[in-house]
Amino acid sequence: MQIKEFAEFTGVSVRTLHYYDEIGLLPPAFIDKSTGYRFYDENKALQEQKYLLILKKERLERLISAIDNAAKGENVMRAFDNSEFEKHKMEAKEKWVYTDAYKEHEEKTKNYSKDT
């Protein structure tokens, strides 16, 4: 399915899907070289999306706990640990780095700012 369809299907914005692809978390199943259109495989993408949502949920739970602990005067810096997300990002990059799609993505996005 095309990126717009997949975005509607999952409730994730197209921009977020582009970002996930950029950091290697959720690359498209296929990129049409002539148009640059991204296509997603429903089953694999849903598994990856679920995993990302679980990571986000766990991070939100840590932050809520940190707020509670801060109210008690405890140190809360550990709550901002995003290492599991970063670990998954690196694993995805290692998995896809040698593919044509990844190389094409790197070329297209090399001049993007962090806000893009």
PDB file of N, CA and C in Angstrom:
ATOM      1  N   MET A   1       0.839  -1.171   0.000  1.00  0.00           N
ATOM      2  CA  MET A   1       0.000   0.000   0.000  1.00  0.00           C
ATOM      3  C   MET A   1       0.888   1.239   0.000  1.00  0.00           C
ATOM      4  N   GLN A   2       0.400   2.313  -0.623  1.00  0.00           N
ATOM      5  CA  GLN A   2       1.165   3.546  -0.679  1.00  0.00           C
ATOM      6  C   GLN A   2       1.250   4.190   0.698  1.00  0.00           C
ATOM      7  N   ILE A   3       2.220   5.085   0.846  1.00  0.00           N
ATOM      8  CA  ILE A   3       2.491   5.682   2.149  1.00  0.00           C
ATOM      9  C   ILE A   3       1.269   6.405   2.718  1.00  0.00           C
ATOM     10  N   LYS A   4       0.516   7.107   1.873  1.00  0.00           N
ATOM     11  CA  LYS A   4      -0.671   7.826   2.360  1.00  0.00           C
ATOM     12  C   LYS A   4      -1.710   6.839   2.895  1.00  0.00           C
ATOM     13  N   GLU A   5      -1.918   5.748   2.159  1.00  0.00           N
ATOM     14  CA  GLU A   5      -2.867   4.723   2.598  1.00  0.00           C
ATOM     15  C   GLU A   5      -2.396   4.092   3.907  1.00  0.00           C
ATOM     16  N   PHE A   6      -1.093   3.815   3.977  1.00  0.00           N
ATOM     17  CA  PHE A   6      -0.556   3.197   5.175  1.00  0.00           C
ATOM     18  C   PHE A   6      -0.660   4.140   6.373  1.00  0.00           C
ATOM     19  N   ALA A   7      -0.423   5.428   6.138  1.00  0.00           N
ATOM     20  CA  ALA A   7      -0.541   6.422   7.206  1.00  0.00           C
ATOM     21  C   ALA A   7      -1.973   6.440   7.750  1.00  0.00           C
ATOM     22  N   GLU A   8      -2.947   6.421   6.862  1.00  0.00           N
ATOM     23  CA  GLU A   8      -4.346   6.405   7.296  1.00  0.00           C
ATOM     24  C   GLU A   8      -4.677   5.104   8.021  1.00  0.00           C
ATOM     25  N   PHE A   9      -4.148   4.009   7.522  1.00  0.00           N
ATOM     26  CA  PHE A   9      -4.399   2.688   8.098  1.00  0.00           C
ATOM     27  C   PHE A   9      -3.864   2.573   9.519  1.00  0.00           C
ATOM     28  N   THR A  10      -2.667   3.146   9.743  1.00  0.00           N
ATOM     29  CA  THR A  10      -2.015   3.013  11.054  1.00  0.00           C
ATOM     30  C   THR A  10      -2.269   4.189  11.978  1.00  0.00           C
ATOM     31  N   GLY A  11      -2.742   5.297  11.425  1.00  0.00           N
ATOM     32  CA  GLY A  11      -2.945   6.482  12.253  1.00  0.00           C
ATOM     33  C   GLY A  11      -1.653   7.241  12.530  1.00  0.00           C
ATOM     34  N   VAL A  12      -0.645   6.991  11.736  1.00  0.00           N
ATOM     35  CA  VAL A  12       0.646   7.669  11.849  1.00  0.00           C
ATOM     36  C   VAL A  12       0.768   8.607  10.656  1.00  0.00           C
ATOM     37  N   SER A  13       1.267   9.813  10.886  1.00  0.00           N
ATOM     38  CA  SER A  13       1.361  10.775   9.785  1.00  0.00           C
ATOM     39  C   SER A  13       2.393  10.344   8.746  1.00  0.00           C
ATOM     40  N   VAL A  14       2.232  10.850   7.547  1.00  0.00           N
ATOM     41  CA  VAL A  14       3.193  10.574   6.483  1.00  0.00           C
ATOM     42  C   VAL A  14       4.572  11.085   6.891  1.00  0.00           C
ATOM     43  N   ARG A  15       4.592  12.262   7.504  1.00  0.00           N
ATOM     44  CA  ARG A  15       5.872  12.825   7.952  1.00  0.00           C
ATOM     45  C   ARG A  15       6.556  11.905   8.963  1.00  0.00           C
ATOM     46  N   THR A  16       5.772  11.340   9.885  1.00  0.00           N
ATOM     47  CA  THR A  16       6.341  10.417  10.870  1.00  0.00           C
ATOM     48  C   THR A  16       6.874   9.169  10.179  1.00  0.00           C
ATOM     49  N   LEU A  17       6.158   8.667   9.184  1.00  0.00           N
ATOM     50  CA  LEU A  17       6.638   7.500   8.438  1.00  0.00           C
ATOM     51  C   LEU A  17       7.941   7.824   7.708  1.00  0.00           C
ATOM     52  N   HIS A  18       8.051   9.030   7.155  1.00  0.00           N
ATOM     53  CA  HIS A  18       9.307   9.441   6.525  1.00  0.00           C
ATOM     54  C   HIS A  18      10.435   9.462   7.565  1.00  0.00           C
ATOM     55  N   TYR A  19      10.125   9.983   8.745  1.00  0.00           N
ATOM     56  CA  TYR A  19      11.130  10.026   9.820  1.00  0.00           C
ATOM     57  C   TYR A  19      11.525   8.610  10.245  1.00  0.00           C
ATOM     58  N   TYR A  20      10.551   7.734  10.427  1.00  0.00           N
ATOM     59  CA  TYR A  20      10.856   6.352  10.796  1.00  0.00           C
ATOM     60  C   TYR A  20      11.738   5.690   9.749  1.00  0.00           C
ATOM     61  N   ASP A  21      11.472   5.981   8.485  1.00  0.00           N
ATOM     62  CA  ASP A  21      12.303   5.437   7.422  1.00  0.00           C
ATOM     63  C   ASP A  21      13.711   6.027   7.516  1.00  0.00           C
ATOM     64  N   GLU A  22      13.791   7.331   7.765  1.00  0.00           N
ATOM     65  CA  GLU A  22      15.086   8.010   7.852  1.00  0.00           C
ATOM     66  C   GLU A  22      15.979   7.414   8.927  1.00  0.00           C
ATOM     67  N   ILE A  23      15.402   7.075  10.065  1.00  0.00           N
ATOM     68  CA  ILE A  23      16.219   6.539  11.157  1.00  0.00           C
ATOM     69  C   ILE A  23      16.283   5.012  11.133  1.00  0.00           C
ATOM     70  N   GLY A  24      15.657   4.404  10.141  1.00  0.00           N
ATOM     71  CA  GLY A  24      15.757   2.963   9.977  1.00  0.00           C
ATOM     72  C   GLY A  24      14.793   2.146  10.805  1.00  0.00           C
ATOM     73  N   LEU A  25      13.813   2.772  11.412  1.00  0.00           N
ATOM     74  CA  LEU A  25      12.878   2.030  12.250  1.00  0.00           C
ATOM     75  C   LEU A  25      11.781   1.334  11.458  1.00  0.00           C
ATOM     76  N   LEU A  26      11.324   1.965  10.409  1.00  0.00           N
ATOM     77  CA  LEU A  26      10.231   1.385   9.637  1.00  0.00           C
ATOM     78  C   LEU A  26      10.418   1.713   8.160  1.00  0.00           C
ATOM     79  N   PRO A  27      11.360   1.039   7.524  1.00  0.00           N
ATOM     80  CA  PRO A  27      11.576   1.310   6.103  1.00  0.00           C
ATOM     81  C   PRO A  27      10.428   0.743   5.276  1.00  0.00           C
ATOM     82  N   PRO A  28      10.143   1.366   4.145  1.00  0.00           N
ATOM     83  CA  PRO A  28       9.105   0.824   3.280  1.00  0.00           C
ATOM     84  C   PRO A  28       9.540  -0.530   2.714  1.00  0.00           C
ATOM     85  N   ALA A  29       8.560  -1.331   2.341  1.00  0.00           N
ATOM     86  CA  ALA A  29       8.867  -2.629   1.748  1.00  0.00           C
ATOM     87  C   ALA A  29       9.470  -2.453   0.360  1.00  0.00           C
ATOM     88  N   PHE A  30       9.084  -1.346  -0.298  1.00  0.00           N
ATOM     89  CA  PHE A  30       9.520  -1.121  -1.670  1.00  0.00           C
ATOM     90  C   PHE A  30       9.471   0.368  -1.968  1.00  0.00           C
ATOM     91  N   ILE A  31      10.472   0.866  -2.702  1.00  0.00           N
ATOM     92  CA  ILE A  31      10.457   2.245  -3.186  1.00  0.00           C
ATOM     93  C   ILE A  31      10.556   2.194  -4.697  1.00  0.00           C
ATOM     94  N   ASP A  32       9.577   2.785  -5.369  1.00  0.00           N
ATOM     95  CA  ASP A  32       9.576   2.854  -6.833  1.00  0.00           C
ATOM     96  C   ASP A  32      10.684   3.812  -7.252  1.00  0.00           C
ATOM     97  N   LYS A  33      11.678   3.311  -7.957  1.00  0.00           N
ATOM     98  CA  LYS A  33      12.838   4.137  -8.311  1.00  0.00           C
ATOM     99  C   LYS A  33      12.480   5.264  -9.270  1.00  0.00           C
ATOM    100  N   SER A  34      11.483   5.064 -10.098  1.00  0.00           N
ATOM    101  CA  SER A  34      11.148   6.107 -11.061  1.00  0.00           C
ATOM    102  C   SER A  34      10.341   7.247 -10.434  1.00  0.00           C
ATOM    103  N   THR A  35       9.526   6.943  -9.437  1.00  0.00           N
ATOM    104  CA  THR A  35       8.683   7.976  -8.833  1.00  0.00           C
ATOM    105  C   THR A  35       9.102   8.346  -7.425  1.00  0.00           C
ATOM    106  N   GLY A  36       9.834   7.461  -6.753  1.00  0.00           N
ATOM    107  CA  GLY A  36      10.208   7.694  -5.366  1.00  0.00           C
ATOM    108  C   GLY A  36       9.099   7.354  -4.387  1.00  0.00           C
ATOM    109  N   TYR A  37       7.972   6.841  -4.893  1.00  0.00           N
ATOM    110  CA  TYR A  37       6.853   6.480  -4.018  1.00  0.00           C
ATOM    111  C   TYR A  37       7.249   5.316  -3.128  1.00  0.00           C
ATOM    112  N   ARG A  38       6.795   5.384  -1.891  1.00  0.00           N
ATOM    113  CA  ARG A  38       7.088   4.348  -0.907  1.00  0.00           C
ATOM    114  C   ARG A  38       5.866   3.455  -0.745  1.00  0.00           C
ATOM    115  N   PHE A  39       6.125   2.174  -0.673  1.00  0.00           N
ATOM    116  CA  PHE A  39       5.056   1.202  -0.476  1.00  0.00           C
ATOM    117  C   PHE A  39       5.367   0.376   0.760  1.00  0.00           C
ATOM    118  N   TYR A  40       4.336   0.082   1.515  1.00  0.00           N
ATOM    119  CA  TYR A  40       4.500  -0.643   2.770  1.00  0.00           C
ATOM    120  C   TYR A  40       3.780  -1.981   2.721  1.00  0.00           C
ATOM    121  N   ASP A  41       4.415  -2.977   3.317  1.00  0.00           N
ATOM    122  CA  ASP A  41       3.830  -4.296   3.477  1.00  0.00           C
ATOM    123  C   ASP A  41       3.037  -4.268   4.775  1.00  0.00           C
ATOM    124  N   GLU A  42       1.767  -4.532   4.686  1.00  0.00           N
ATOM    125  CA  GLU A  42       0.861  -4.395   5.829  1.00  0.00           C
ATOM    126  C   GLU A  42       1.291  -5.224   7.034  1.00  0.00           C
ATOM    127  N   ASN A  43       1.623  -6.520   6.850  1.00  0.00           N
ATOM    128  CA  ASN A  43       1.927  -7.389   7.994  1.00  0.00           C
ATOM    129  C   ASN A  43       3.203  -7.008   8.711  1.00  0.00           C
ATOM    130  N   LYS A  44       4.302  -6.854   7.975  1.00  0.00           N
ATOM    131  CA  LYS A  44       5.586  -6.506   8.591  1.00  0.00           C
ATOM    132  C   LYS A  44       5.507  -5.123   9.225  1.00  0.00           C
ATOM    133  N   ALA A  45       4.911  -4.191   8.528  1.00  0.00           N
ATOM    134  CA  ALA A  45       4.819  -2.829   9.033  1.00  0.00           C
ATOM    135  C   ALA A  45       4.021  -2.776  10.325  1.00  0.00           C
ATOM    136  N   LEU A  46       2.968  -3.546  10.410  1.00  0.00           N
ATOM    137  CA  LEU A  46       2.169  -3.551  11.636  1.00  0.00           C
ATOM    138  C   LEU A  46       2.959  -4.105  12.814  1.00  0.00           C
ATOM    139  N   GLN A  47       3.759  -5.118  12.578  1.00  0.00           N
ATOM    140  CA  GLN A  47       4.594  -5.669  13.646  1.00  0.00           C
ATOM    141  C   GLN A  47       5.595  -4.634  14.135  1.00  0.00           C
ATOM    142  N   GLU A  48       6.228  -3.922  13.191  1.00  0.00           N
ATOM    143  CA  GLU A  48       7.182  -2.884  13.556  1.00  0.00           C
ATOM    144  C   GLU A  48       6.480  -1.742  14.287  1.00  0.00           C
ATOM    145  N   GLN A  49       5.310  -1.357  13.795  1.00  0.00           N
ATOM    146  CA  GLN A  49       4.564  -0.274  14.434  1.00  0.00           C
ATOM    147  C   GLN A  49       4.183  -0.643  15.861  1.00  0.00           C
ATOM    148  N   LYS A  50       3.754  -1.889  16.056  1.00  0.00           N
ATOM    149  CA  LYS A  50       3.397  -2.336  17.400  1.00  0.00           C
ATOM    150  C   LYS A  50       4.609  -2.242  18.325  1.00  0.00           C
ATOM    151  N   TYR A  51       5.754  -2.666  17.845  1.00  0.00           N
ATOM    152  CA  TYR A  51       6.963  -2.618  18.655  1.00  0.00           C
ATOM    153  C   TYR A  51       7.303  -1.169  19.029  1.00  0.00           C
ATOM    154  N   LEU A  52       7.192  -0.258  18.065  1.00  0.00           N
ATOM    155  CA  LEU A  52       7.472   1.145  18.344  1.00  0.00           C
ATOM    156  C   LEU A  52       6.488   1.709  19.365  1.00  0.00           C
ATOM    157  N   LEU A  53       5.243   1.336  19.249  1.00  0.00           N
ATOM    158  CA  LEU A  53       4.239   1.806  20.203  1.00  0.00           C
ATOM    159  C   LEU A  53       4.517   1.280  21.610  1.00  0.00           C
ATOM    160  N   ILE A  54       4.967   0.040  21.695  1.00  0.00           N
ATOM    161  CA  ILE A  54       5.325  -0.528  22.998  1.00  0.00           C
ATOM    162  C   ILE A  54       6.485   0.255  23.608  1.00  0.00           C
ATOM    163  N   LEU A  55       7.497   0.587  22.789  1.00  0.00           N
ATOM    164  CA  LEU A  55       8.621   1.376  23.287  1.00  0.00           C
ATOM    165  C   LEU A  55       8.155   2.749  23.767  1.00  0.00           C
ATOM    166  N   LYS A  56       7.279   3.377  23.010  1.00  0.00           N
ATOM    167  CA  LYS A  56       6.757   4.687  23.413  1.00  0.00           C
ATOM    168  C   LYS A  56       5.953   4.585  24.704  1.00  0.00           C
ATOM    169  N   LYS A  57       5.139   3.538  24.801  1.00  0.00           N
ATOM    170  CA  LYS A  57       4.330   3.331  26.003  1.00  0.00           C
ATOM    171  C   LYS A  57       5.226   3.164  27.230  1.00  0.00           C
ATOM    172  N   GLU A  58       6.266   2.350  27.091  1.00  0.00           N
ATOM    173  CA  GLU A  58       7.181   2.133  28.204  1.00  0.00           C
ATOM    174  C   GLU A  58       7.879   3.429  28.592  1.00  0.00           C
ATOM    175  N   ARG A  59       8.253   4.241  27.611  1.00  0.00           N
ATOM    176  CA  ARG A  59       8.902   5.516  27.906  1.00  0.00           C
ATOM    177  C   ARG A  59       7.933   6.449  28.624  1.00  0.00           C
ATOM    178  N   LEU A  60       6.684   6.505  28.163  1.00  0.00           N
ATOM    179  CA  LEU A  60       5.688   7.353  28.830  1.00  0.00           C
ATOM    180  C   LEU A  60       5.447   6.897  30.262  1.00  0.00           C
ATOM    181  N   GLU A  61       5.423   5.597  30.474  1.00  0.00           N
ATOM    182  CA  GLU A  61       5.248   5.083  31.834  1.00  0.00           C
ATOM    183  C   GLU A  61       6.425   5.481  32.721  1.00  0.00           C
ATOM    184  N   ARG A  62       7.652   5.445  32.175  1.00  0.00           N
ATOM    185  CA  ARG A  62       8.826   5.877  32.937  1.00  0.00           C
ATOM    186  C   ARG A  62       8.737   7.363  33.275  1.00  0.00           C
ATOM    187  N   LEU A  63       8.283   8.163  32.308  1.00  0.00           N
ATOM    188  CA  LEU A  63       8.176   9.601  32.549  1.00  0.00           C
ATOM    189  C   LEU A  63       7.116   9.916  33.605  1.00  0.00           C
ATOM    190  N   ILE A  64       5.984   9.224  33.540  1.00  0.00           N
ATOM    191  CA  ILE A  64       4.936   9.418  34.552  1.00  0.00           C
ATOM    192  C   ILE A  64       5.467   9.046  35.931  1.00  0.00           C
ATOM    193  N   SER A  65       6.174   7.942  35.999  1.00  0.00           N
ATOM    194  CA  SER A  65       6.773   7.506  37.259  1.00  0.00           C
ATOM    195  C   SER A  65       7.798   8.522  37.747  1.00  0.00           C
ATOM    196  N   ALA A  66       8.571   9.075  36.814  1.00  0.00           N
ATOM    197  CA  ALA A  66       9.580  10.068  37.188  1.00  0.00           C
ATOM    198  C   ALA A  66       8.932  11.308  37.775  1.00  0.00           C
ATOM    199  N   ILE A  67       7.814  11.714  37.204  1.00  0.00           N
ATOM    200  CA  ILE A  67       7.101  12.874  37.744  1.00  0.00           C
ATOM    201  C   ILE A  67       6.628  12.585  39.160  1.00  0.00           C
ATOM    202  N   ASP A  68       6.090  11.387  39.346  1.00  0.00           N
ATOM    203  CA  ASP A  68       5.658  10.994  40.690  1.00  0.00           C
ATOM    204  C   ASP A  68       6.835  10.988  41.659  1.00  0.00           C
ATOM    205  N   ASN A  69       7.966  10.441  41.211  1.00  0.00           N
ATOM    206  CA  ASN A  69       9.147  10.366  42.058  1.00  0.00           C
ATOM    207  C   ASN A  69       9.751  11.740  42.323  1.00  0.00           C
ATOM    208  N   ALA A  70       9.701  12.619  41.318  1.00  0.00           N
ATOM    209  CA  ALA A  70      10.217  13.980  41.507  1.00  0.00           C
ATOM    210  C   ALA A  70       9.411  14.713  42.571  1.00  0.00           C
ATOM    211  N   ALA A  71       8.105  14.444  42.587  1.00  0.00           N
ATOM    212  CA  ALA A  71       7.251  15.060  43.604  1.00  0.00           C
ATOM    213  C   ALA A  71       7.648  14.599  45.003  1.00  0.00           C
ATOM    214  N   LYS A  72       8.256  13.409  45.072  1.00  0.00           N
ATOM    215  CA  LYS A  72       8.726  12.873  46.352  1.00  0.00           C
ATOM    216  C   LYS A  72      10.167  13.295  46.649  1.00  0.00           C
ATOM    217  N   GLY A  73      10.780  14.046  45.707  1.00  0.00           N
ATOM    218  CA  GLY A  73      12.147  14.508  45.910  1.00  0.00           C
ATOM    219  C   GLY A  73      13.210  13.555  45.424  1.00  0.00           C
ATOM    220  N   GLU A  74      12.843  12.559  44.644  1.00  0.00           N
ATOM    221  CA  GLU A  74      13.808  11.577  44.144  1.00  0.00           C
ATOM    222  C   GLU A  74      14.426  12.038  42.820  1.00  0.00           C
ATOM    223  N   ASN A  75      15.599  11.463  42.486  1.00  0.00           N
ATOM    224  CA  ASN A  75      16.282  11.753  41.234  1.00  0.00           C
ATOM    225  C   ASN A  75      15.521  11.096  40.078  1.00  0.00           C
ATOM    226  N   VAL A  76      15.286  11.845  39.008  1.00  0.00           N
ATOM    227  CA  VAL A  76      14.461  11.322  37.912  1.00  0.00           C
ATOM    228  C   VAL A  76      15.190  11.262  36.571  1.00  0.00           C
ATOM    229  N   MET A  77      16.465  11.513  36.522  1.00  0.00           N
ATOM    230  CA  MET A  77      17.181  11.576  35.250  1.00  0.00           C
ATOM    231  C   MET A  77      17.135  10.271  34.457  1.00  0.00           C
ATOM    232  N   ARG A  78      17.073   9.145  35.103  1.00  0.00           N
ATOM    233  CA  ARG A  78      17.043   7.851  34.413  1.00  0.00           C
ATOM    234  C   ARG A  78      15.784   7.699  33.551  1.00  0.00           C
ATOM    235  N   ALA A  79      14.739   8.396  33.887  1.00  0.00           N
ATOM    236  CA  ALA A  79      13.479   8.297  33.156  1.00  0.00           C
ATOM    237  C   ALA A  79      13.607   8.769  31.712  1.00  0.00           C
ATOM    238  N   PHE A  80      14.613   9.577  31.438  1.00  0.00           N
ATOM    239  CA  PHE A  80      14.780  10.110  30.097  1.00  0.00           C
ATOM    240  C   PHE A  80      15.652   9.222  29.218  1.00  0.00           C
ATOM    241  N   ASP A  81      15.968   8.041  29.704  1.00  0.00           N
ATOM    242  CA  ASP A  81      16.769   7.069  28.966  1.00  0.00           C
ATOM    243  C   ASP A  81      15.978   6.585  27.753  1.00  0.00           C
ATOM    244  N   ASN A  82      16.547   6.793  26.583  1.00  0.00           N
ATOM    245  CA  ASN A  82      15.901   6.394  25.334  1.00  0.00           C
ATOM    246  C   ASN A  82      16.751   5.341  24.622  1.00  0.00           C
ATOM    247  N   SER A  83      17.546   4.611  25.383  1.00  0.00           N
ATOM    248  CA  SER A  83      18.520   3.696  24.797  1.00  0.00           C
ATOM    249  C   SER A  83      17.873   2.533  24.046  1.00  0.00           C
ATOM    250  N   GLU A  84      16.730   2.057  24.506  1.00  0.00           N
ATOM    251  CA  GLU A  84      16.078   0.939  23.816  1.00  0.00           C
ATOM    252  C   GLU A  84      15.618   1.368  22.418  1.00  0.00           C
ATOM    253  N   PHE A  85      15.080   2.567  22.319  1.00  0.00           N
ATOM    254  CA  PHE A  85      14.672   3.116  21.023  1.00  0.00           C
ATOM    255  C   PHE A  85      15.894   3.274  20.121  1.00  0.00           C
ATOM    256  N   GLU A  86      16.971   3.831  20.665  1.00  0.00           N
ATOM    257  CA  GLU A  86      18.196   4.028  19.897  1.00  0.00           C
ATOM    258  C   GLU A  86      18.802   2.689  19.483  1.00  0.00           C
ATOM    259  N   LYS A  87      18.717   1.684  20.357  1.00  0.00           N
ATOM    260  CA  LYS A  87      19.228   0.346  20.045  1.00  0.00           C
ATOM    261  C   LYS A  87      18.479  -0.227  18.848  1.00  0.00           C
ATOM    262  N   HIS A  88      17.160  -0.095  18.860  1.00  0.00           N
ATOM    263  CA  HIS A  88      16.356  -0.594  17.746  1.00  0.00           C
ATOM    264  C   HIS A  88      16.700   0.160  16.462  1.00  0.00           C
ATOM    265  N   LYS A  89      16.920   1.452  16.578  1.00  0.00           N
ATOM    266  CA  LYS A  89      17.287   2.274  15.427  1.00  0.00           C
ATOM    267  C   LYS A  89      18.590   1.771  14.810  1.00  0.00           C
ATOM    268  N   MET A  90      19.579   1.486  15.652  1.00  0.00           N
ATOM    269  CA  MET A  90      20.870   1.002  15.166  1.00  0.00           C
ATOM    270  C   MET A  90      20.758  -0.397  14.552  1.00  0.00           C
ATOM    271  N   GLU A  91      19.961  -1.265  15.160  1.00  0.00           N
ATOM    272  CA  GLU A  91      19.762  -2.606  14.617  1.00  0.00           C
ATOM    273  C   GLU A  91      19.116  -2.531  13.237  1.00  0.00           C
ATOM    274  N   ALA A  92      18.144  -1.650  13.091  1.00  0.00           N
ATOM    275  CA  ALA A  92      17.478  -1.487  11.805  1.00  0.00           C
ATOM    276  C   ALA A  92      18.457  -0.956  10.764  1.00  0.00           C
ATOM    277  N   LYS A  93      19.285  -0.014  11.171  1.00  0.00           N
ATOM    278  CA  LYS A  93      20.276   0.529  10.236  1.00  0.00           C
ATOM    279  C   LYS A  93      21.237  -0.565   9.790  1.00  0.00           C
ATOM    280  N   GLU A  94      21.729  -1.364  10.727  1.00  0.00           N
ATOM    281  CA  GLU A  94      22.639  -2.453  10.385  1.00  0.00           C
ATOM    282  C   GLU A  94      21.984  -3.438   9.423  1.00  0.00           C
ATOM    283  N   LYS A  95      20.714  -3.674   9.612  1.00  0.00           N
ATOM    284  CA  LYS A  95      19.984  -4.635   8.785  1.00  0.00           C
ATOM    285  C   LYS A  95      19.798  -4.123   7.360  1.00  0.00           C
ATOM    286  N   TRP A  96      19.549  -2.824   7.208  1.00  0.00           N
ATOM    287  CA  TRP A  96      19.169  -2.280   5.904  1.00  0.00           C
ATOM    288  C   TRP A  96      20.264  -1.475   5.214  1.00  0.00           C
ATOM    289  N   VAL A  97      21.390  -1.206   5.869  1.00  0.00           N
ATOM    290  CA  VAL A  97      22.386  -0.267   5.367  1.00  0.00           C
ATOM    291  C   VAL A  97      22.931  -0.623   3.981  1.00  0.00           C
ATOM    292  N   TYR A  98      22.976  -1.883   3.637  1.00  0.00           N
ATOM    293  CA  TYR A  98      23.554  -2.284   2.359  1.00  0.00           C
ATOM    294  C   TYR A  98      22.519  -2.447   1.247  1.00  0.00           C
ATOM    295  N   THR A  99      21.291  -2.117   1.502  1.00  0.00           N
ATOM    296  CA  THR A  99      20.261  -2.245   0.477  1.00  0.00           C
ATOM    297  C   THR A  99      20.234  -1.008  -0.413  1.00  0.00           C
ATOM    298  N   ASP A 100      19.765  -1.201  -1.637  1.00  0.00           N
ATOM    299  CA  ASP A 100      19.640  -0.074  -2.560  1.00  0.00           C
ATOM    300  C   ASP A 100      18.685   0.978  -2.023  1.00  0.00           C
ATOM    301  N   ALA A 101      17.606   0.523  -1.401  1.00  0.00           N
ATOM    302  CA  ALA A 101      16.619   1.460  -0.864  1.00  0.00           C
ATOM    303  C   ALA A 101      17.251   2.345   0.208  1.00  0.00           C
ATOM    304  N   TYR A 102      18.069   1.765   1.062  1.00  0.00           N
ATOM    305  CA  TYR A 102      18.721   2.549   2.125  1.00  0.00           C
ATOM    306  C   TYR A 102      19.693   3.549   1.521  1.00  0.00           C
ATOM    307  N   LYS A 103      20.482   3.108   0.546  1.00  0.00           N
ATOM    308  CA  LYS A 103      21.440   4.010  -0.098  1.00  0.00           C
ATOM    309  C   LYS A 103      20.712   5.162  -0.789  1.00  0.00           C
ATOM    310  N   GLU A 104      19.612   4.834  -1.448  1.00  0.00           N
ATOM    311  CA  GLU A 104      18.812   5.861  -2.103  1.00  0.00           C
ATOM    312  C   GLU A 104      18.248   6.840  -1.079  1.00  0.00           C
ATOM    313  N   HIS A 105      17.775   6.311   0.032  1.00  0.00           N
ATOM    314  CA  HIS A 105      17.245   7.150   1.102  1.00  0.00           C
ATOM    315  C   HIS A 105      18.327   8.078   1.649  1.00  0.00           C
ATOM    316  N   GLU A 106      19.509   7.550   1.894  1.00  0.00           N
ATOM    317  CA  GLU A 106      20.613   8.349   2.410  1.00  0.00           C
ATOM    318  C   GLU A 106      20.947   9.491   1.455  1.00  0.00           C
ATOM    319  N   GLU A 107      20.958   9.193   0.170  1.00  0.00           N
ATOM    320  CA  GLU A 107      21.260  10.216  -0.824  1.00  0.00           C
ATOM    321  C   GLU A 107      20.191  11.310  -0.843  1.00  0.00           C
ATOM    322  N   LYS A 108      18.928  10.904  -0.768  1.00  0.00           N
ATOM    323  CA  LYS A 108      17.827  11.859  -0.800  1.00  0.00           C
ATOM    324  C   LYS A 108      17.773  12.731   0.449  1.00  0.00           C
ATOM    325  N   THR A 109      18.178  12.182   1.583  1.00  0.00           N
ATOM    326  CA  THR A 109      17.989  12.896   2.846  1.00  0.00           C
ATOM    327  C   THR A 109      19.272  13.479   3.442  1.00  0.00           C
ATOM    328  N   LYS A 110      20.361  13.387   2.735  1.00  0.00           N
ATOM    329  CA  LYS A 110      21.638  13.832   3.310  1.00  0.00           C
ATOM    330  C   LYS A 110      21.650  15.314   3.664  1.00  0.00           C
ATOM    331  N   ASN A 111      20.826  16.122   3.022  1.00  0.00           N
ATOM    332  CA  ASN A 111      20.810  17.553   3.296  1.00  0.00           C
ATOM    333  C   ASN A 111      19.646  17.975   4.182  1.00  0.00           C
ATOM    334  N   TYR A 112      18.873  17.008   4.668  1.00  0.00           N
ATOM    335  CA  TYR A 112      17.760  17.324   5.549  1.00  0.00           C
ATOM    336  C   TYR A 112      18.275  17.815   6.902  1.00  0.00           C
ATOM    337  N   SER A 113      17.540  18.735   7.470  1.00  0.00           N
ATOM    338  CA  SER A 113      17.862  19.143   8.830  1.00  0.00           C
ATOM    339  C   SER A 113      17.177  18.161   9.781  1.00  0.00           C
ATOM    340  N   LYS A 114      17.505  18.209  11.042  1.00  0.00           N
ATOM    341  CA  LYS A 114      16.881  17.329  12.041  1.00  0.00           C
ATOM    342  C   LYS A 114      15.402  17.600  12.177  1.00  0.00           C
ATOM    343  N   ASP A 115      14.945  18.799  11.812  1.00  0.00           N
ATOM    344  CA  ASP A 115      13.534  19.170  11.931  1.00  0.00           C
ATOM    345  C   ASP A 115      12.697  18.719  10.749  1.00  0.00           C
ATOM    346  N   THR A 116      13.330  18.247   9.668  1.00  0.00           N
ATOM    347  CA  THR A 116      12.599  17.866   8.462  1.00  0.00           C
ATOM    348  C   THR A 116      11.982  16.515   8.599  1.00  0.00           C
TER     349      THR A 116
END
